[in-house]
Protein backbone atom coordinates (compact mmCIF):
# COMPACT_ATOMS: atom_id res chain seq x y z
CA MET A 1 -32.39 76.41 -62.94
CA TYR A 2 -34.64 77.98 -60.32
CA TYR A 3 -37.89 78.01 -62.37
CA TRP A 4 -40.71 79.71 -60.44
CA ASN A 5 -38.63 80.53 -57.33
CA LYS A 6 -35.83 82.27 -59.20
CA ASP A 7 -36.07 85.64 -57.44
CA ASN A 8 -35.93 84.00 -54.02
CA PHE A 9 -32.80 81.98 -54.76
CA GLU A 10 -30.97 84.76 -56.56
CA GLY A 11 -31.87 87.10 -53.72
CA LEU A 12 -30.37 84.70 -51.18
CA LEU A 13 -27.06 84.87 -53.05
CA GLN A 14 -27.18 88.67 -53.07
CA ILE A 15 -27.83 88.73 -49.32
CA ALA A 16 -24.96 86.28 -48.75
CA GLN A 17 -22.60 88.59 -50.61
CA GLN A 18 -23.64 91.51 -48.42
CA LEU A 19 -23.28 89.59 -45.16
CA GLU A 20 -19.89 88.13 -46.00
CA ALA A 21 -18.36 91.60 -45.74
CA ASP A 22 -18.90 91.50 -41.95
CA GLU A 23 -16.95 88.96 -39.90
CA HIS A 24 -19.83 88.60 -37.43
CA LEU A 25 -22.31 87.69 -40.16
CA LYS A 26 -20.32 85.10 -42.16
CA PRO A 27 -22.13 82.06 -40.67
CA LEU A 28 -25.41 83.68 -41.67
CA ALA A 29 -24.05 84.20 -45.19
CA ALA A 30 -23.28 80.47 -45.26
CA TYR A 31 -26.88 79.80 -44.23
CA CYS A 32 -28.07 81.78 -47.28
CA ARG A 33 -25.75 79.93 -49.64
CA PHE A 34 -26.86 76.54 -48.36
CA ARG A 35 -30.53 77.54 -48.68
CA GLU A 36 -29.89 78.66 -52.25
CA GLN A 37 -28.45 75.21 -52.98
CA GLY A 38 -31.42 73.45 -51.39
CA LEU A 39 -29.28 72.06 -48.53
CA ARG A 40 -31.68 72.68 -45.69
CA ARG A 41 -29.91 70.62 -43.01
CA GLU A 42 -26.56 72.27 -43.69
CA ALA A 43 -28.27 75.68 -43.78
CA PHE A 44 -29.79 75.31 -40.33
CA ARG A 45 -26.51 73.99 -38.96
CA ALA A 46 -24.87 77.22 -40.17
CA LEU A 47 -27.72 79.22 -38.67
CA ASP A 48 -27.22 77.48 -35.32
CA LEU A 49 -23.54 78.38 -35.45
CA TYR A 50 -24.46 82.00 -35.97
CA LEU A 51 -27.02 82.00 -33.17
CA GLU A 52 -24.54 80.41 -30.77
CA ALA A 53 -21.89 82.96 -31.71
CA SER A 54 -24.37 85.82 -31.29
CA ARG A 55 -24.74 84.98 -27.60
CA SER A 56 -21.28 86.47 -27.01
CA PHE A 57 -22.00 89.72 -28.90
CA ASP A 58 -21.89 92.92 -26.89
CA SER A 59 -24.93 95.18 -27.28
CA ALA A 60 -23.35 97.41 -29.95
CA THR A 61 -22.35 94.41 -32.10
CA ALA A 62 -25.76 92.77 -31.69
CA ARG A 63 -27.62 95.97 -32.60
CA LEU A 64 -25.49 96.55 -35.68
CA ALA A 65 -25.93 92.94 -36.79
CA ALA A 66 -29.69 93.04 -36.29
CA THR A 67 -29.94 96.26 -38.29
CA GLN A 68 -27.80 94.86 -41.13
CA ILE A 69 -29.87 91.68 -41.26
CA LEU A 70 -33.18 93.53 -41.38
CA GLU A 71 -31.98 96.08 -43.93
CA ALA A 72 -30.69 93.29 -46.18
CA ASN A 73 -34.05 91.56 -45.93
CA ALA A 74 -35.95 94.79 -46.69
CA LEU A 75 -33.90 95.25 -49.87
CA ALA A 76 -34.84 91.76 -51.07
CA PRO A 77 -38.66 91.56 -50.93
CA SER A 78 -38.76 88.43 -53.13
CA VAL A 79 -36.69 86.40 -50.65
CA HIS A 80 -38.76 84.30 -48.27
CA HIS A 81 -36.11 81.86 -46.95
CA PHE A 82 -33.92 84.37 -45.11
CA LEU A 83 -35.67 85.43 -41.90
CA ALA A 84 -36.15 81.96 -40.45
CA GLN A 85 -38.07 81.65 -37.20
CA PRO A 86 -35.00 80.68 -35.12
CA LEU A 87 -33.22 83.82 -36.34
CA ILE A 88 -36.21 85.99 -35.45
CA LYS A 89 -37.02 84.44 -32.08
CA ARG A 90 -33.52 83.76 -30.78
CA PHE A 91 -31.69 86.85 -32.02
CA LEU A 92 -33.66 89.62 -33.72
CA LEU A 93 -36.57 89.98 -31.30
CA PRO A 94 -34.49 89.74 -28.07
CA THR A 95 -31.92 92.21 -29.44
CA LEU A 96 -34.53 94.73 -30.56
CA GLN A 97 -36.60 94.43 -27.39
CA ALA A 98 -33.58 94.99 -25.15
CA TRP A 99 -32.48 97.91 -27.32
CA MET A 100 -35.90 99.54 -27.15
CA GLN A 101 -36.04 99.19 -23.37
CA GLU A 102 -32.55 100.61 -22.92
CA ASP A 103 -32.98 103.53 -25.32
CA ALA A 104 -36.65 104.49 -25.56
CA GLY A 105 -35.92 107.64 -27.57
CA THR A 106 -34.41 105.78 -30.54
CA ASN A 107 -36.76 104.90 -33.38
CA VAL A 108 -34.64 102.11 -34.95
CA PRO A 109 -35.62 99.21 -32.65
CA VAL A 110 -39.19 100.50 -32.45
CA ARG A 111 -39.61 100.57 -36.24
CA TRP A 112 -38.08 97.13 -36.79
CA LEU A 113 -40.13 95.55 -34.01
CA GLY A 114 -43.22 97.17 -35.51
CA ILE A 115 -42.38 95.81 -38.95
CA LEU A 116 -41.49 92.32 -37.74
CA ASN A 117 -44.56 91.97 -35.53
CA ARG A 118 -46.89 94.00 -37.75
CA ASP A 119 -47.62 96.02 -34.62
CA ARG A 120 -49.60 99.15 -35.45
CA GLU A 121 -48.92 100.83 -32.12
CA LEU A 122 -45.16 100.44 -32.48
CA LEU A 123 -45.26 101.58 -36.11
CA ALA A 124 -47.21 104.70 -35.13
CA ARG A 125 -44.68 105.37 -32.39
CA ALA A 126 -41.80 104.90 -34.83
CA LEU A 127 -43.42 107.35 -37.25
CA SER A 128 -43.86 109.92 -34.50
CA LEU A 129 -40.13 109.62 -33.78
CA CYS A 130 -39.19 109.83 -37.46
CA PRO A 131 -41.93 111.32 -39.70
CA ASP A 132 -39.73 110.89 -42.80
CA ASP A 133 -39.75 107.09 -42.48
CA VAL A 134 -41.50 106.22 -45.74
CA PRO A 135 -41.68 102.39 -45.31
CA VAL A 136 -43.31 102.77 -41.89
CA ARG A 137 -45.77 105.36 -43.19
CA LYS A 138 -46.67 103.09 -46.12
CA GLN A 139 -47.18 100.14 -43.79
CA LEU A 140 -49.57 102.12 -41.61
CA ILE A 141 -51.50 103.32 -44.68
CA ASP A 142 -51.67 99.75 -45.97
CA PHE A 143 -53.15 98.62 -42.66
CA ALA A 144 -55.75 101.42 -42.62
CA LEU A 145 -56.82 100.96 -46.24
CA GLY A 146 -56.80 97.19 -45.73
CA ASP A 147 -59.32 97.58 -42.91
CA VAL A 148 -61.68 99.48 -45.23
CA ASP A 149 -61.12 97.05 -48.07
CA PHE A 150 -61.97 94.14 -45.77
CA ALA A 151 -65.14 95.87 -44.56
CA THR A 152 -66.34 96.47 -48.12
CA HIS A 153 -65.20 93.35 -49.97
CA HIS A 154 -68.64 91.71 -49.74
CA LEU A 155 -70.62 94.71 -51.01
CA ASP A 156 -71.27 92.87 -54.26
CA GLU A 157 -73.48 90.70 -52.01
CA SER A 158 -74.96 93.82 -50.36
CA HIS A 159 -73.19 92.95 -47.09
CA PHE A 160 -70.96 95.33 -45.14
CA ILE A 161 -68.60 93.76 -42.59
CA GLY A 162 -68.41 95.55 -39.25
CA SER A 163 -69.16 99.19 -38.58
CA VAL A 164 -69.29 101.91 -41.22
CA GLU A 165 -68.04 104.40 -38.61
CA VAL A 166 -64.98 102.25 -37.84
CA ALA A 167 -64.21 101.90 -41.54
CA ALA A 168 -64.65 105.65 -42.05
CA ALA A 169 -62.22 106.32 -39.18
CA ALA A 170 -59.65 103.99 -40.75
CA LEU A 171 -60.06 105.79 -44.07
CA GLU A 172 -59.61 109.17 -42.38
CA LEU A 173 -56.42 107.91 -40.72
CA ALA A 174 -55.09 106.80 -44.11
CA ARG A 175 -55.88 110.19 -45.64
CA THR A 176 -54.13 111.98 -42.77
CA LEU A 177 -51.03 109.80 -43.15
CA ILE A 178 -50.98 110.51 -46.88
CA ALA A 179 -51.52 114.26 -46.45
CA ASN A 180 -48.70 114.52 -43.88
CA ALA A 181 -46.18 112.63 -46.01
CA PRO A 182 -42.99 114.59 -46.76
CA ASP A 183 -43.35 113.77 -50.47
CA PRO A 184 -47.04 113.26 -51.38
CA GLU A 185 -46.13 112.16 -54.92
CA MET A 186 -44.71 108.95 -53.48
CA PHE A 187 -48.19 108.17 -52.14
CA ALA A 188 -50.23 108.86 -55.29
CA ARG A 189 -51.38 105.23 -55.54
CA TYR A 190 -52.61 105.32 -51.97
CA SER A 191 -54.49 108.56 -52.64
CA ALA A 192 -56.29 106.92 -55.56
CA ASP A 193 -57.19 103.90 -53.42
CA ALA A 194 -58.48 106.18 -50.66
CA ARG A 195 -60.70 108.11 -53.10
CA HIS A 196 -62.12 104.86 -54.46
CA LEU A 197 -62.94 103.54 -50.98
CA ASP A 198 -64.40 106.89 -49.95
CA CYS A 199 -66.84 106.78 -52.89
CA LEU A 200 -67.71 103.19 -52.01
CA LEU A 201 -68.46 104.12 -48.39
CA GLU A 202 -70.57 107.11 -49.40
CA ASP A 203 -72.60 105.00 -51.80
CA TRP A 204 -73.13 102.34 -49.15
CA ARG A 205 -74.35 104.96 -46.70
CA ALA A 206 -76.82 106.31 -49.25
CA TYR A 207 -77.97 102.82 -50.28
CA SER A 208 -78.49 101.79 -46.64
CA LYS A 209 -81.04 104.57 -46.16
CA ASN A 210 -83.22 103.15 -48.95
CA PRO A 211 -81.95 99.71 -50.01
CA VAL A 212 -83.84 99.11 -53.24
CA GLY A 213 -82.47 96.09 -55.11
CA THR A 214 -78.93 94.89 -54.56
CA PHE A 215 -76.09 97.28 -53.88
CA PRO A 216 -74.43 96.62 -57.28
CA GLU A 217 -77.78 97.26 -59.01
CA TRP A 218 -78.26 100.47 -57.03
CA CYS A 219 -74.77 101.66 -58.01
CA ALA A 220 -75.20 100.70 -61.67
CA ALA A 221 -78.43 102.72 -61.86
CA ARG A 222 -76.42 105.77 -60.84
CA GLY A 223 -73.50 105.09 -63.18
CA HIS A 224 -71.17 103.98 -60.41
CA ASP A 225 -69.15 100.96 -61.47
CA TYR A 226 -67.04 99.16 -58.90
CA ASN A 227 -64.84 96.11 -59.21
CA TYR A 228 -65.14 93.54 -56.46
CA PRO A 229 -62.69 90.77 -55.50
CA VAL A 230 -63.47 87.23 -56.61
CA LYS A 231 -64.67 85.06 -53.74
CA VAL A 232 -64.59 81.27 -53.66
CA TYR A 233 -66.88 79.41 -51.29
CA TYR A 234 -66.25 75.80 -50.31
CA ALA A 235 -68.97 73.42 -49.27
CA PRO A 236 -68.27 71.44 -46.04
């Protein structure tokens, strides 16, 4: 029935079932059910009902609702029709921002704001408040390794993007985050990625001192085989 978008639609039903258990979240559960049925107009009408009702929530009710919504979304990574922009802008962000300002020592609003906004500073602050927060630690490692991956993804064309020193600092941050994890085994994939990127950076440094031939040719002559992402260029 759902063909390629099956996981999204089935996930919406699962979220609806979770939300229906809370009286304050029932209109949002209706939003999910309408989205699953492809009834967009009816879905956003239900969402508006929820957002209007949320204006009368006291702070404790709003905080609990925001946490439940975000946790439900985190448990359904294949769902991309749940956190609609009106829900984020009119309820989640204002609730979390007010919570963070009123209780600066609590990591919950800090972590969720960091995740929603992809804010590295907030994520780092959340991790300092709760070092056992695995999703936040993984997000920060992803950002750091992503910086290095971006800097090196044109090395098959013998071109490094940005500064080697900046990339090396990002890689060192990733390694520190991995080393300080409460359970390093959960981060084995990240460790492997970090080792790969470290070798790539070291080879680029050595090649840059005496750039004979292309970088891939230089690496191949030394038995170093790297895989590079496929790039597609479009003519104007």
